[in-house]
Amino acid sequence: GYLYYYGLEHYNELVCSFFALKMDKFWNVKKEMNNLLVADGNLGLANMVAEELLPRKIKKYSKVYSTISLQKLTNKLNLQSVRETEDILLKMITKTNNDDFMVKIDQEEGIVYFPLEEETEQEEGQEEVKLREEHDRELIIKINQCMELAKRVKNLDITLTTSQRYQALVQKESGKMGQPRGVAELGRAAPAVEGFE
């Protein structure tokens, strides 16, 4: 025949109460089957599932409410204090792979804000625009600095090539080495001349 697995109906009841977000029923079933969970080696797993119950309930409320008072949320979650609710919300925010949940807490007013996806995307889009604008400003500053440097180099080049003293030193140096006498004869930039200020 058939094999009978003891306690399977309890597991089913625990899972169903979890997915239905029936918190009181979940805790009662878990408490009733504690010995079975220990015997099966599943108590740790049941505790991990239990830790996800409140965050799932909060996510459900985030789809219903855009704002809710911390006290009202605390009451709906059957928690003892607002601080407990804040702690759970903060843990949910800081989870690394919890991109589908956004919340803002105004502690002064005691209000929780659940931004809609469009608002979140709009804020992210605005942030991208700000970053792009900042990058563009920095790029414009650097381009202006390069243009200023190019002007200075051009002015220095003109000053050097029109300087009679520089031309005299170049002719003197090139005469010693039997090289061309002027910059134009070199076909390239003038050699560095020692002693020119």
N, C-alpha and C. Protein backbone atom coordinates (compact mmCIF):
# COMPACT_ATOMS: atom_id res chain seq x y z
N GLY A 1 0.50 -1.13 0.00
CA GLY A 1 0.00 0.00 0.00
C GLY A 1 0.60 1.35 0.00
N TYR A 2 -0.18 2.17 0.61
CA TYR A 2 0.15 3.58 0.65
C TYR A 2 1.03 3.88 1.86
N LEU A 3 1.97 4.77 1.65
CA LEU A 3 2.78 5.22 2.76
C LEU A 3 2.09 6.41 3.41
N TYR A 4 2.11 6.46 4.71
CA TYR A 4 1.53 7.58 5.42
C TYR A 4 2.65 8.38 6.05
N TYR A 5 2.70 9.65 5.72
CA TYR A 5 3.72 10.53 6.29
C TYR A 5 3.08 11.33 7.41
N TYR A 6 3.56 11.06 8.63
CA TYR A 6 3.00 11.71 9.80
C TYR A 6 3.28 13.20 9.78
N GLY A 7 2.26 14.00 10.01
CA GLY A 7 2.41 15.43 10.17
C GLY A 7 2.37 16.22 8.88
N LEU A 8 2.17 15.56 7.76
CA LEU A 8 2.15 16.26 6.49
C LEU A 8 1.04 17.31 6.43
N GLU A 9 -0.10 16.99 7.04
CA GLU A 9 -1.20 17.96 7.05
C GLU A 9 -0.84 19.22 7.83
N HIS A 10 0.04 19.07 8.83
CA HIS A 10 0.48 20.25 9.61
C HIS A 10 1.38 21.15 8.74
N TYR A 11 2.27 20.52 7.99
CA TYR A 11 3.12 21.28 7.08
C TYR A 11 2.26 22.04 6.06
N ASN A 12 1.27 21.36 5.52
CA ASN A 12 0.38 21.97 4.55
C ASN A 12 -0.34 23.18 5.16
N GLU A 13 -0.82 23.00 6.39
CA GLU A 13 -1.52 24.09 7.08
C GLU A 13 -0.58 25.27 7.34
N LEU A 14 0.67 24.97 7.68
CA LEU A 14 1.67 26.03 7.93
C LEU A 14 1.95 26.81 6.65
N VAL A 15 2.15 26.09 5.57
CA VAL A 15 2.44 26.73 4.28
C VAL A 15 1.25 27.56 3.81
N CYS A 16 0.05 27.01 3.91
CA CYS A 16 -1.15 27.74 3.48
C CYS A 16 -1.36 29.01 4.30
N SER A 17 -1.14 28.94 5.60
CA SER A 17 -1.32 30.14 6.44
C SER A 17 -0.24 31.18 6.11
N PHE A 18 0.96 30.73 5.72
CA PHE A 18 2.01 31.67 5.33
C PHE A 18 1.61 32.41 4.06
N PHE A 19 1.19 31.67 3.04
CA PHE A 19 0.84 32.31 1.77
C PHE A 19 -0.43 33.15 1.87
N ALA A 20 -1.32 32.80 2.78
CA ALA A 20 -2.54 33.59 2.98
C ALA A 20 -2.27 34.77 3.91
N LEU A 21 -1.06 34.85 4.45
CA LEU A 21 -0.64 35.91 5.38
C LEU A 21 -1.52 35.95 6.63
N LYS A 22 -1.96 34.77 7.06
CA LYS A 22 -2.73 34.66 8.30
C LYS A 22 -1.72 34.44 9.43
N MET A 23 -1.29 35.55 9.99
CA MET A 23 -0.18 35.51 10.94
C MET A 23 -0.51 34.73 12.21
N ASP A 24 -1.67 35.00 12.79
CA ASP A 24 -2.04 34.30 14.03
C ASP A 24 -2.10 32.79 13.81
N LYS A 25 -2.71 32.39 12.71
CA LYS A 25 -2.83 30.95 12.41
C LYS A 25 -1.43 30.36 12.18
N PHE A 26 -0.58 31.06 11.45
CA PHE A 26 0.78 30.58 11.20
C PHE A 26 1.50 30.31 12.52
N TRP A 27 1.46 31.31 13.43
CA TRP A 27 2.18 31.16 14.70
C TRP A 27 1.59 30.02 15.54
N ASN A 28 0.26 29.88 15.53
CA ASN A 28 -0.37 28.80 16.30
C ASN A 28 0.02 27.43 15.75
N VAL A 29 -0.02 27.27 14.42
CA VAL A 29 0.32 25.98 13.80
C VAL A 29 1.79 25.67 14.06
N LYS A 30 2.65 26.68 13.92
CA LYS A 30 4.09 26.47 14.15
C LYS A 30 4.34 26.05 15.59
N LYS A 31 3.63 26.68 16.51
CA LYS A 31 3.79 26.33 17.94
C LYS A 31 3.32 24.90 18.20
N GLU A 32 2.17 24.54 17.60
CA GLU A 32 1.62 23.19 17.78
C GLU A 32 2.54 22.11 17.23
N MET A 33 3.19 22.41 16.10
CA MET A 33 4.02 21.39 15.47
C MET A 33 5.51 21.54 15.79
N ASN A 34 5.83 22.27 16.84
CA ASN A 34 7.22 22.51 17.20
C ASN A 34 8.01 21.20 17.37
N ASN A 35 7.44 20.23 18.08
CA ASN A 35 8.13 18.95 18.30
C ASN A 35 8.36 18.22 16.98
N LEU A 36 7.37 18.28 16.07
CA LEU A 36 7.50 17.64 14.77
C LEU A 36 8.61 18.33 13.95
N LEU A 37 8.65 19.66 14.00
CA LEU A 37 9.68 20.40 13.28
C LEU A 37 11.08 20.04 13.80
N VAL A 38 11.20 19.91 15.12
CA VAL A 38 12.49 19.53 15.72
C VAL A 38 12.87 18.12 15.28
N ALA A 39 11.91 17.19 15.37
CA ALA A 39 12.17 15.79 15.01
C ALA A 39 12.56 15.66 13.53
N ASP A 40 11.94 16.45 12.66
CA ASP A 40 12.22 16.38 11.22
C ASP A 40 13.46 17.20 10.84
N GLY A 41 13.97 17.98 11.79
CA GLY A 41 15.12 18.84 11.49
C GLY A 41 14.74 20.06 10.67
N ASN A 42 13.49 20.47 10.76
CA ASN A 42 13.00 21.59 9.96
C ASN A 42 12.69 22.85 10.78
N LEU A 43 13.07 22.86 12.05
CA LEU A 43 12.76 24.02 12.87
C LEU A 43 13.48 25.28 12.35
N GLY A 44 14.72 25.14 11.96
CA GLY A 44 15.46 26.29 11.42
C GLY A 44 14.81 26.84 10.17
N LEU A 45 14.38 25.95 9.29
CA LEU A 45 13.69 26.36 8.07
C LEU A 45 12.38 27.07 8.40
N ALA A 46 11.63 26.52 9.35
CA ALA A 46 10.36 27.14 9.75
C ALA A 46 10.61 28.53 10.35
N ASN A 47 11.69 28.67 11.10
CA ASN A 47 12.02 29.99 11.67
C ASN A 47 12.39 30.99 10.57
N MET A 48 13.10 30.53 9.54
CA MET A 48 13.44 31.42 8.42
C MET A 48 12.17 31.86 7.69
N VAL A 49 11.24 30.93 7.51
CA VAL A 49 9.97 31.27 6.86
C VAL A 49 9.21 32.26 7.73
N ALA A 50 9.23 32.05 9.04
CA ALA A 50 8.54 32.94 9.97
C ALA A 50 9.10 34.36 9.90
N GLU A 51 10.41 34.49 9.69
CA GLU A 51 11.04 35.81 9.58
C GLU A 51 10.56 36.56 8.35
N GLU A 52 10.10 35.86 7.34
CA GLU A 52 9.63 36.49 6.11
C GLU A 52 8.14 36.83 6.15
N LEU A 53 7.46 36.39 7.19
CA LEU A 53 6.02 36.62 7.27
C LEU A 53 5.67 38.10 7.39
N LEU A 54 6.30 38.80 8.31
CA LEU A 54 6.02 40.23 8.49
C LEU A 54 6.42 41.05 7.26
N PRO A 55 7.62 40.83 6.69
CA PRO A 55 7.94 41.57 5.46
C PRO A 55 6.93 41.34 4.33
N ARG A 56 6.44 40.11 4.19
CA ARG A 56 5.43 39.83 3.15
C ARG A 56 4.13 40.60 3.44
N LYS A 57 3.77 40.66 4.71
CA LYS A 57 2.55 41.38 5.10
C LYS A 57 2.73 42.88 4.81
N ILE A 58 3.92 43.41 5.12
CA ILE A 58 4.19 44.82 4.87
C ILE A 58 4.15 45.10 3.37
N LYS A 59 4.71 44.21 2.55
CA LYS A 59 4.67 44.39 1.09
C LYS A 59 3.22 44.41 0.60
N LYS A 60 2.38 43.59 1.21
CA LYS A 60 0.96 43.58 0.83
C LYS A 60 0.34 44.94 1.15
N TYR A 61 0.63 45.48 2.34
CA TYR A 61 0.10 46.79 2.72
C TYR A 61 0.66 47.89 1.81
N SER A 62 1.90 47.72 1.36
CA SER A 62 2.51 48.76 0.50
C SER A 62 1.79 48.86 -0.84
N LYS A 63 1.09 47.80 -1.23
CA LYS A 63 0.33 47.83 -2.49
C LYS A 63 -1.06 48.42 -2.29
N VAL A 64 -1.49 48.50 -1.01
CA VAL A 64 -2.81 49.03 -0.69
C VAL A 64 -2.72 50.50 -0.26
N TYR A 65 -1.73 50.80 0.57
CA TYR A 65 -1.58 52.15 1.12
C TYR A 65 -0.40 52.87 0.46
N SER A 66 -0.58 54.15 0.17
CA SER A 66 0.58 54.95 -0.25
C SER A 66 1.20 55.60 0.98
N THR A 67 0.37 55.88 2.00
CA THR A 67 0.87 56.34 3.31
C THR A 67 0.06 55.67 4.39
N ILE A 68 0.71 55.45 5.52
CA ILE A 68 0.05 54.86 6.68
C ILE A 68 0.83 55.31 7.91
N SER A 69 0.13 55.53 8.99
CA SER A 69 0.84 55.94 10.21
C SER A 69 1.61 54.75 10.76
N LEU A 70 2.72 55.04 11.39
CA LEU A 70 3.53 53.96 11.98
C LEU A 70 2.71 53.19 13.01
N GLN A 71 1.90 53.91 13.79
CA GLN A 71 1.11 53.25 14.83
C GLN A 71 0.08 52.31 14.22
N LYS A 72 -0.58 52.75 13.16
CA LYS A 72 -1.58 51.91 12.51
C LYS A 72 -0.93 50.67 11.91
N LEU A 73 0.23 50.84 11.28
CA LEU A 73 0.95 49.70 10.71
C LEU A 73 1.38 48.74 11.82
N THR A 74 1.84 49.30 12.93
CA THR A 74 2.25 48.48 14.08
C THR A 74 1.06 47.65 14.57
N ASN A 75 -0.11 48.28 14.67
CA ASN A 75 -1.31 47.57 15.12
C ASN A 75 -1.71 46.47 14.14
N LYS A 76 -1.64 46.77 12.83
CA LYS A 76 -2.01 45.78 11.82
C LYS A 76 -1.07 44.58 11.84
N LEU A 77 0.18 44.81 12.22
CA LEU A 77 1.16 43.73 12.26
C LEU A 77 1.18 43.01 13.61
N ASN A 78 0.34 43.47 14.54
CA ASN A 78 0.27 42.91 15.90
C ASN A 78 1.62 42.99 16.62
N LEU A 79 2.33 44.08 16.42
CA LEU A 79 3.61 44.27 17.10
C LEU A 79 3.40 45.11 18.35
N GLN A 80 4.37 45.06 19.24
CA GLN A 80 4.25 45.74 20.53
C GLN A 80 4.59 47.23 20.45
N SER A 81 5.53 47.61 19.56
CA SER A 81 5.97 49.01 19.54
C SER A 81 6.24 49.48 18.11
N VAL A 82 6.19 50.78 17.94
CA VAL A 82 6.51 51.42 16.67
C VAL A 82 7.95 51.13 16.30
N ARG A 83 8.81 51.07 17.31
CA ARG A 83 10.24 50.80 17.08
C ARG A 83 10.44 49.45 16.38
N GLU A 84 9.66 48.44 16.78
CA GLU A 84 9.74 47.12 16.13
C GLU A 84 9.39 47.23 14.65
N THR A 85 8.35 48.00 14.36
CA THR A 85 7.93 48.19 12.98
C THR A 85 9.02 48.88 12.18
N GLU A 86 9.61 49.94 12.76
CA GLU A 86 10.71 50.65 12.10
C GLU A 86 11.88 49.71 11.83
N ASP A 87 12.21 48.88 12.81
CA ASP A 87 13.33 47.94 12.63
C ASP A 87 13.09 46.99 11.47
N ILE A 88 11.87 46.47 11.37
CA ILE A 88 11.54 45.55 10.28
C ILE A 88 11.64 46.28 8.94
N LEU A 89 11.11 47.51 8.87
CA LEU A 89 11.17 48.29 7.64
C LEU A 89 12.62 48.55 7.25
N LEU A 90 13.45 48.90 8.21
CA LEU A 90 14.86 49.17 7.92
C LEU A 90 15.58 47.91 7.43
N LYS A 91 15.27 46.78 8.02
CA LYS A 91 15.86 45.52 7.56
C LYS A 91 15.43 45.23 6.12
N MET A 92 14.18 45.51 5.82
CA MET A 92 13.68 45.27 4.46
C MET A 92 14.38 46.18 3.45
N ILE A 93 14.63 47.41 3.85
CA ILE A 93 15.29 48.37 2.96
C ILE A 93 16.73 47.95 2.69
N THR A 94 17.41 47.48 3.73
CA THR A 94 18.84 47.18 3.61
C THR A 94 19.14 45.82 3.01
N LYS A 95 18.13 45.01 2.79
CA LYS A 95 18.39 43.72 2.13
C LYS A 95 18.93 43.98 0.75
N THR A 96 20.00 43.28 0.39
CA THR A 96 20.69 43.55 -0.88
C THR A 96 19.85 43.27 -2.11
N ASN A 97 19.05 42.23 -2.08
CA ASN A 97 18.29 41.87 -3.29
C ASN A 97 16.81 42.20 -3.12
N ASN A 98 16.52 43.34 -2.50
CA ASN A 98 15.14 43.71 -2.26
C ASN A 98 14.78 44.96 -3.06
N ASP A 99 15.07 44.93 -4.38
CA ASP A 99 14.84 46.09 -5.23
C ASP A 99 13.36 46.37 -5.46
N ASP A 100 12.51 45.40 -5.18
CA ASP A 100 11.09 45.58 -5.45
C ASP A 100 10.35 46.27 -4.31
N PHE A 101 11.07 46.72 -3.28
CA PHE A 101 10.42 47.34 -2.13
C PHE A 101 11.07 48.68 -1.81
N MET A 102 10.25 49.71 -1.80
CA MET A 102 10.72 51.05 -1.44
C MET A 102 9.84 51.58 -0.33
N VAL A 103 10.46 52.26 0.63
CA VAL A 103 9.70 52.86 1.73
C VAL A 103 10.46 54.08 2.24
N LYS A 104 9.70 55.06 2.69
CA LYS A 104 10.27 56.24 3.34
C LYS A 104 9.56 56.40 4.68
N ILE A 105 10.35 56.66 5.71
CA ILE A 105 9.78 56.80 7.05
C ILE A 105 10.00 58.24 7.52
N ASP A 106 8.90 58.92 7.88
CA ASP A 106 8.97 60.24 8.48
C ASP A 106 8.77 60.04 9.98
N GLN A 107 9.89 60.01 10.71
CA GLN A 107 9.80 59.70 12.13
C GLN A 107 9.15 60.84 12.92
N GLU A 108 9.37 62.08 12.49
CA GLU A 108 8.76 63.22 13.20
C GLU A 108 7.25 63.15 13.14
N GLU A 109 6.72 62.87 11.96
CA GLU A 109 5.27 62.81 11.77
C GLU A 109 4.71 61.43 12.08
N GLY A 110 5.59 60.43 12.16
CA GLY A 110 5.14 59.07 12.43
C GLY A 110 4.39 58.46 11.26
N ILE A 111 4.88 58.74 10.04
CA ILE A 111 4.18 58.26 8.84
C ILE A 111 5.14 57.44 7.98
N VAL A 112 4.61 56.39 7.38
CA VAL A 112 5.35 55.55 6.45
C VAL A 112 4.80 55.82 5.06
N TYR A 113 5.71 56.08 4.11
CA TYR A 113 5.33 56.32 2.72
C TYR A 113 5.80 55.14 1.88
N PHE A 114 4.89 54.60 1.10
CA PHE A 114 5.23 53.55 0.14
C PHE A 114 5.12 54.17 -1.25
N PRO A 115 6.24 54.60 -1.84
CA PRO A 115 6.17 55.22 -3.17
C PRO A 115 5.70 54.21 -4.21
N LEU A 116 4.91 54.69 -5.15
CA LEU A 116 4.49 53.85 -6.26
C LEU A 116 5.68 53.63 -7.18
N GLU A 117 5.64 52.58 -7.98
CA GLU A 117 6.76 52.28 -8.88
C GLU A 117 7.05 53.43 -9.81
N GLU A 118 5.99 54.10 -10.31
CA GLU A 118 6.20 55.22 -11.22
C GLU A 118 6.98 56.33 -10.53
N GLU A 119 6.62 56.61 -9.24
CA GLU A 119 7.32 57.65 -8.49
C GLU A 119 8.78 57.29 -8.31
N THR A 120 9.04 56.02 -7.99
CA THR A 120 10.40 55.56 -7.79
C THR A 120 11.20 55.67 -9.08
N GLU A 121 10.58 55.23 -10.20
CA GLU A 121 11.26 55.32 -11.49
C GLU A 121 11.50 56.77 -11.87
N GLN A 122 10.52 57.64 -11.56
CA GLN A 122 10.67 59.06 -11.86
C GLN A 122 11.82 59.66 -11.05
N GLU A 123 11.90 59.30 -9.75
CA GLU A 123 13.00 59.80 -8.91
C GLU A 123 14.34 59.30 -9.43
N GLU A 124 14.40 58.01 -9.83
CA GLU A 124 15.64 57.46 -10.36
C GLU A 124 16.01 58.17 -11.66
N GLY A 125 15.00 58.46 -12.50
CA GLY A 125 15.24 59.18 -13.74
C GLY A 125 15.76 60.58 -13.48
N GLN A 126 15.20 61.25 -12.48
CA GLN A 126 15.66 62.59 -12.11
C GLN A 126 17.09 62.52 -11.59
N GLU A 127 17.41 61.50 -10.85
CA GLU A 127 18.77 61.34 -10.31
C GLU A 127 19.75 61.14 -11.46
N GLU A 128 19.36 60.34 -12.46
CA GLU A 128 20.22 60.12 -13.63
C GLU A 128 20.45 61.42 -14.38
N VAL A 129 19.40 62.22 -14.53
CA VAL A 129 19.52 63.51 -15.22
C VAL A 129 20.47 64.42 -14.45
N LYS A 130 20.34 64.45 -13.13
CA LYS A 130 21.24 65.28 -12.30
C LYS A 130 22.69 64.84 -12.47
N LEU A 131 22.92 63.53 -12.44
CA LEU A 131 24.28 63.02 -12.61
C LEU A 131 24.83 63.37 -13.99
N ARG A 132 23.99 63.23 -15.03
CA ARG A 132 24.42 63.56 -16.38
C ARG A 132 24.74 65.05 -16.50
N GLU A 133 23.89 65.91 -15.90
CA GLU A 133 24.12 67.36 -15.94
C GLU A 133 25.42 67.71 -15.22
N GLU A 134 25.65 67.08 -14.07
CA GLU A 134 26.89 67.33 -13.32
C GLU A 134 28.10 66.90 -14.15
N HIS A 135 28.00 65.74 -14.79
CA HIS A 135 29.09 65.25 -15.64
C HIS A 135 29.34 66.22 -16.79
N ASP A 136 28.25 66.72 -17.41
CA ASP A 136 28.38 67.67 -18.52
C ASP A 136 29.05 68.96 -18.06
N ARG A 137 28.67 69.45 -16.86
CA ARG A 137 29.30 70.67 -16.33
C ARG A 137 30.80 70.46 -16.14
N GLU A 138 31.17 69.33 -15.57
CA GLU A 138 32.59 69.03 -15.35
C GLU A 138 33.32 68.94 -16.69
N LEU A 139 32.68 68.33 -17.67
CA LEU A 139 33.28 68.19 -18.99
C LEU A 139 33.48 69.56 -19.64
N ILE A 140 32.51 70.44 -19.52
CA ILE A 140 32.62 71.80 -20.07
C ILE A 140 33.77 72.55 -19.41
N ILE A 141 33.91 72.41 -18.09
CA ILE A 141 35.01 73.07 -17.37
C ILE A 141 36.34 72.57 -17.89
N LYS A 142 36.47 71.24 -18.08
CA LYS A 142 37.73 70.67 -18.56
C LYS A 142 38.02 71.10 -20.00
N ILE A 143 36.98 71.17 -20.83
CA ILE A 143 37.17 71.62 -22.21
C ILE A 143 37.64 73.07 -22.23
N ASN A 144 37.02 73.90 -21.39
CA ASN A 144 37.44 75.31 -21.31
C ASN A 144 38.88 75.43 -20.83
N GLN A 145 39.27 74.58 -19.87
CA GLN A 145 40.66 74.60 -19.39
C GLN A 145 41.61 74.21 -20.52
N CYS A 146 41.23 73.20 -21.30
CA CYS A 146 42.07 72.77 -22.44
C CYS A 146 42.18 73.88 -23.48
N MET A 147 41.07 74.56 -23.75
CA MET A 147 41.09 75.65 -24.72
C MET A 147 41.98 76.80 -24.23
N GLU A 148 41.90 77.11 -22.95
CA GLU A 148 42.74 78.16 -22.37
C GLU A 148 44.20 77.76 -22.46
N LEU A 149 44.50 76.50 -22.17
CA LEU A 149 45.88 76.02 -22.27
C LEU A 149 46.37 76.09 -23.72
N ALA A 150 45.52 75.74 -24.67
CA ALA A 150 45.89 75.81 -26.09
C ALA A 150 46.20 77.25 -26.49
N LYS A 151 45.40 78.23 -26.00
CA LYS A 151 45.66 79.64 -26.28
C LYS A 151 47.01 80.07 -25.72
N ARG A 152 47.28 79.64 -24.49
CA ARG A 152 48.55 80.02 -23.85
C ARG A 152 49.74 79.44 -24.60
N VAL A 153 49.60 78.17 -25.04
CA VAL A 153 50.69 77.53 -25.79
C VAL A 153 50.87 78.26 -27.12
N LYS A 154 49.79 78.62 -27.79
CA LYS A 154 49.86 79.34 -29.06
C LYS A 154 50.54 80.70 -28.85
N ASN A 155 50.13 81.44 -27.80
CA ASN A 155 50.74 82.74 -27.52
C ASN A 155 52.23 82.60 -27.19
N LEU A 156 52.57 81.55 -26.45
CA LEU A 156 53.97 81.31 -26.11
C LEU A 156 54.76 81.00 -27.38
N ASP A 157 54.18 80.20 -28.27
CA ASP A 157 54.83 79.86 -29.54
C ASP A 157 55.06 81.11 -30.38
N ILE A 158 54.03 81.96 -30.44
CA ILE A 158 54.17 83.21 -31.21
C ILE A 158 55.24 84.09 -30.58
N THR A 159 55.22 84.19 -29.25
CA THR A 159 56.21 85.01 -28.55
C THR A 159 57.61 84.51 -28.82
N LEU A 160 57.79 83.20 -28.77
CA LEU A 160 59.11 82.62 -29.00
C LEU A 160 59.59 82.85 -30.45
N THR A 161 58.72 82.54 -31.39
CA THR A 161 59.15 82.63 -32.79
C THR A 161 59.34 84.06 -33.26
N THR A 162 58.72 85.03 -32.61
CA THR A 162 58.90 86.43 -33.01
C THR A 162 59.95 87.14 -32.17
N SER A 163 60.50 86.45 -31.21
CA SER A 163 61.51 87.07 -30.34
C SER A 163 62.85 87.14 -31.09
N GLN A 164 63.41 88.34 -31.17
CA GLN A 164 64.70 88.52 -31.84
C GLN A 164 65.81 87.80 -31.08
N ARG A 165 65.74 87.82 -29.78
CA ARG A 165 66.77 87.16 -28.97
C ARG A 165 66.76 85.65 -29.22
N TYR A 166 65.52 85.06 -29.27
CA TYR A 166 65.39 83.62 -29.52
C TYR A 166 65.92 83.29 -30.92
N GLN A 167 65.56 84.09 -31.90
CA GLN A 167 66.02 83.86 -33.27
C GLN A 167 67.56 83.93 -33.35
N ALA A 168 68.12 84.88 -32.60
CA ALA A 168 69.58 85.02 -32.60
C ALA A 168 70.23 83.79 -31.98
N LEU A 169 69.67 83.31 -30.87
CA LEU A 169 70.22 82.11 -30.21
C LEU A 169 70.08 80.88 -31.11
N VAL A 170 68.96 80.75 -31.79
CA VAL A 170 68.75 79.61 -32.70
C VAL A 170 69.77 79.66 -33.82
N GLN A 171 70.00 80.85 -34.42
CA GLN A 171 70.97 80.98 -35.51
C GLN A 171 72.38 80.68 -35.02
N LYS A 172 72.68 81.13 -33.82
CA LYS A 172 74.00 80.88 -33.25
C LYS A 172 74.21 79.39 -33.04
N GLU A 173 73.22 78.71 -32.47
CA GLU A 173 73.32 77.26 -32.21
C GLU A 173 73.40 76.48 -33.52
N SER A 174 72.58 76.82 -34.48
CA SER A 174 72.58 76.07 -35.73
C SER A 174 73.84 76.34 -36.55
N GLY A 175 74.42 77.50 -36.38
CA GLY A 175 75.66 77.82 -37.08
C GLY A 175 76.81 76.99 -36.54
N LYS A 176 76.79 76.70 -35.26
CA LYS A 176 77.85 75.90 -34.64
C LYS A 176 77.80 74.47 -35.15
N MET A 177 76.62 73.95 -35.41
CA MET A 177 76.47 72.54 -35.75
C MET A 177 76.32 72.32 -37.25
N GLY A 178 76.31 73.36 -38.00
CA GLY A 178 76.15 73.21 -39.44
C GLY A 178 74.75 72.81 -39.82
N GLN A 179 73.81 73.19 -39.00
CA GLN A 179 72.42 72.85 -39.26
C GLN A 179 71.72 74.05 -39.90
N PRO A 180 70.47 73.87 -40.30
CA PRO A 180 69.71 74.99 -40.87
C PRO A 180 69.70 76.18 -39.92
N ARG A 181 69.55 77.39 -40.48
CA ARG A 181 69.68 78.60 -39.69
C ARG A 181 68.38 79.03 -39.02
N GLY A 182 67.23 78.70 -39.50
CA GLY A 182 65.98 79.19 -38.92
C GLY A 182 65.00 78.07 -38.66
N VAL A 183 63.94 78.44 -37.97
CA VAL A 183 62.89 77.48 -37.63
C VAL A 183 62.24 76.96 -38.91
N ALA A 184 62.01 77.83 -39.86
CA ALA A 184 61.37 77.42 -41.11
C ALA A 184 62.22 76.41 -41.86
N GLU A 185 63.53 76.54 -41.77
CA GLU A 185 64.43 75.62 -42.46
C GLU A 185 64.48 74.25 -41.79
N LEU A 186 64.11 74.20 -40.53
CA LEU A 186 64.14 72.93 -39.79
C LEU A 186 63.06 71.96 -40.25
N GLY A 187 61.91 72.51 -40.62
CA GLY A 187 60.80 71.66 -41.03
C GLY A 187 60.10 70.99 -39.86
N ARG A 188 60.48 71.38 -38.69
CA ARG A 188 59.85 70.86 -37.47
C ARG A 188 60.00 71.90 -36.39
N ALA A 189 59.56 71.60 -35.20
CA ALA A 189 59.64 72.56 -34.09
C ALA A 189 61.10 72.88 -33.79
N ALA A 190 61.31 74.09 -33.31
CA ALA A 190 62.65 74.56 -33.00
C ALA A 190 63.24 73.77 -31.85
N PRO A 191 64.56 73.52 -31.86
CA PRO A 191 65.18 72.80 -30.76
C PRO A 191 65.21 73.67 -29.52
N ALA A 192 65.26 73.01 -28.38
CA ALA A 192 65.35 73.74 -27.12
C ALA A 192 66.72 74.40 -27.05
N VAL A 193 66.71 75.65 -26.61
CA VAL A 193 67.96 76.41 -26.54
C VAL A 193 68.25 76.73 -25.09
N GLU A 194 69.46 76.39 -24.67
CA GLU A 194 69.81 76.66 -23.28
C GLU A 194 70.04 78.15 -23.08
N GLY A 195 69.66 78.62 -21.91
CA GLY A 195 69.90 80.00 -21.54
C GLY A 195 68.82 80.96 -21.98
N PHE A 196 67.79 80.50 -22.71
CA PHE A 196 66.73 81.42 -23.12
C PHE A 196 65.70 81.50 -22.02
N GLU A 197 65.33 82.71 -21.64
CA GLU A 197 64.35 82.91 -20.59
C GLU A 197 63.01 83.29 -21.15
